[in-house]
Amino acid sequence: MTLLMIGAPEIIIILLIVLLLFGGKKIPELMKGLGKGVKSFKQGMNEMEEEVKRPLEEQPSQSASEESPTKDGDE
């Protein structure tokens, strides 16, 4: 279990390795791209959530309109 815990020293070492690999000029570009990706992901999740909620909100009104002809009609 202790192998899964990441502390401050480990994070600092990882950040230093990233800095050495990509350099100071590339990191802002990488973070900008990462930010755009996260924003796009959140937007997609919100759209998907709206699509799921929309049929649930429309369903009672549709079922009410579908039930009224069967109750009024002679079958």
Protein backbone atom coordinates (compact mmCIF):
# COMPACT_ATOMS: atom_id res chain seq x y z
CA MET A 1 0.00 0.00 0.00
CA THR A 2 2.82 2.42 0.69
CA LEU A 3 4.05 2.03 -2.87
CA LEU A 4 0.96 3.84 -4.15
CA MET A 5 1.50 6.91 -1.96
CA ILE A 6 3.23 9.79 -3.76
CA GLY A 7 4.74 12.41 -1.51
CA ALA A 8 6.22 15.86 -2.08
CA PRO A 9 9.79 14.60 -2.79
CA GLU A 10 8.55 12.27 -5.52
CA ILE A 11 6.49 15.02 -7.16
CA ILE A 12 9.50 17.37 -7.14
CA ILE A 13 11.69 14.70 -8.75
CA ILE A 14 9.07 14.05 -11.44
CA LEU A 15 8.75 17.77 -12.17
CA LEU A 16 12.54 18.12 -12.47
CA ILE A 17 12.69 15.20 -14.90
CA VAL A 18 9.91 16.75 -17.01
CA LEU A 19 11.75 20.08 -16.98
CA LEU A 20 14.95 18.41 -18.14
CA LEU A 21 13.21 16.42 -20.87
CA PHE A 22 11.11 19.19 -22.39
CA GLY A 23 12.91 22.36 -21.39
CA GLY A 24 11.48 25.60 -20.07
CA LYS A 25 10.07 26.76 -23.42
CA LYS A 26 8.05 23.65 -24.22
CA ILE A 27 6.34 23.25 -20.83
CA PRO A 28 3.96 26.24 -21.23
CA GLU A 29 2.92 24.91 -24.64
CA LEU A 30 2.29 21.46 -23.16
CA MET A 31 0.25 22.91 -20.30
CA LYS A 32 -1.78 25.03 -22.74
CA GLY A 33 -2.58 21.94 -24.79
CA LEU A 34 -3.44 20.01 -21.65
CA GLY A 35 -5.77 22.81 -20.54
CA LYS A 36 -7.54 22.81 -23.91
CA GLY A 37 -7.95 19.06 -23.70
CA VAL A 38 -9.43 19.23 -20.20
CA LYS A 39 -11.79 22.03 -21.29
CA SER A 40 -12.92 20.01 -24.30
CA PHE A 41 -13.44 16.94 -22.12
CA LYS A 42 -15.56 18.88 -19.62
CA GLN A 43 -17.62 20.39 -22.44
CA GLY A 44 -18.24 16.94 -23.88
CA MET A 45 -19.26 15.59 -20.48
CA ASN A 46 -21.70 18.49 -19.99
CA GLU A 47 -23.22 17.92 -23.44
CA MET A 48 -23.59 14.22 -22.75
CA GLU A 49 -25.19 14.92 -19.37
CA GLU A 50 -27.68 17.30 -21.03
CA GLU A 51 -28.56 14.66 -23.64
CA VAL A 52 -29.21 12.11 -20.91
CA LYS A 53 -31.35 14.51 -18.87
CA ARG A 54 -33.32 15.80 -21.87
CA PRO A 55 -35.08 12.49 -22.70
CA LEU A 56 -35.88 11.98 -19.01
CA GLU A 57 -37.52 15.40 -18.85
CA GLU A 58 -39.42 14.90 -22.13
CA GLN A 59 -40.55 11.36 -21.34
CA PRO A 60 -43.43 12.20 -18.91
CA SER A 61 -44.95 14.70 -21.35
CA GLN A 62 -44.72 12.18 -24.20
CA SER A 63 -46.20 9.36 -22.13
CA ALA A 64 -49.08 11.60 -21.01
CA SER A 65 -49.88 12.50 -24.61
CA GLU A 66 -49.64 8.85 -25.64
CA GLU A 67 -51.93 7.67 -22.83
CA SER A 68 -54.76 10.12 -23.49
CA PRO A 69 -55.79 8.67 -26.92
CA THR A 70 -55.88 5.13 -25.53
CA LYS A 71 -58.07 6.18 -22.59
CA ASP A 72 -60.46 8.23 -24.75
CA GLY A 73 -60.50 5.86 -27.69
CA ASP A 74 -62.72 2.79 -27.90
CA GLU A 75 -60.72 -0.39 -28.06
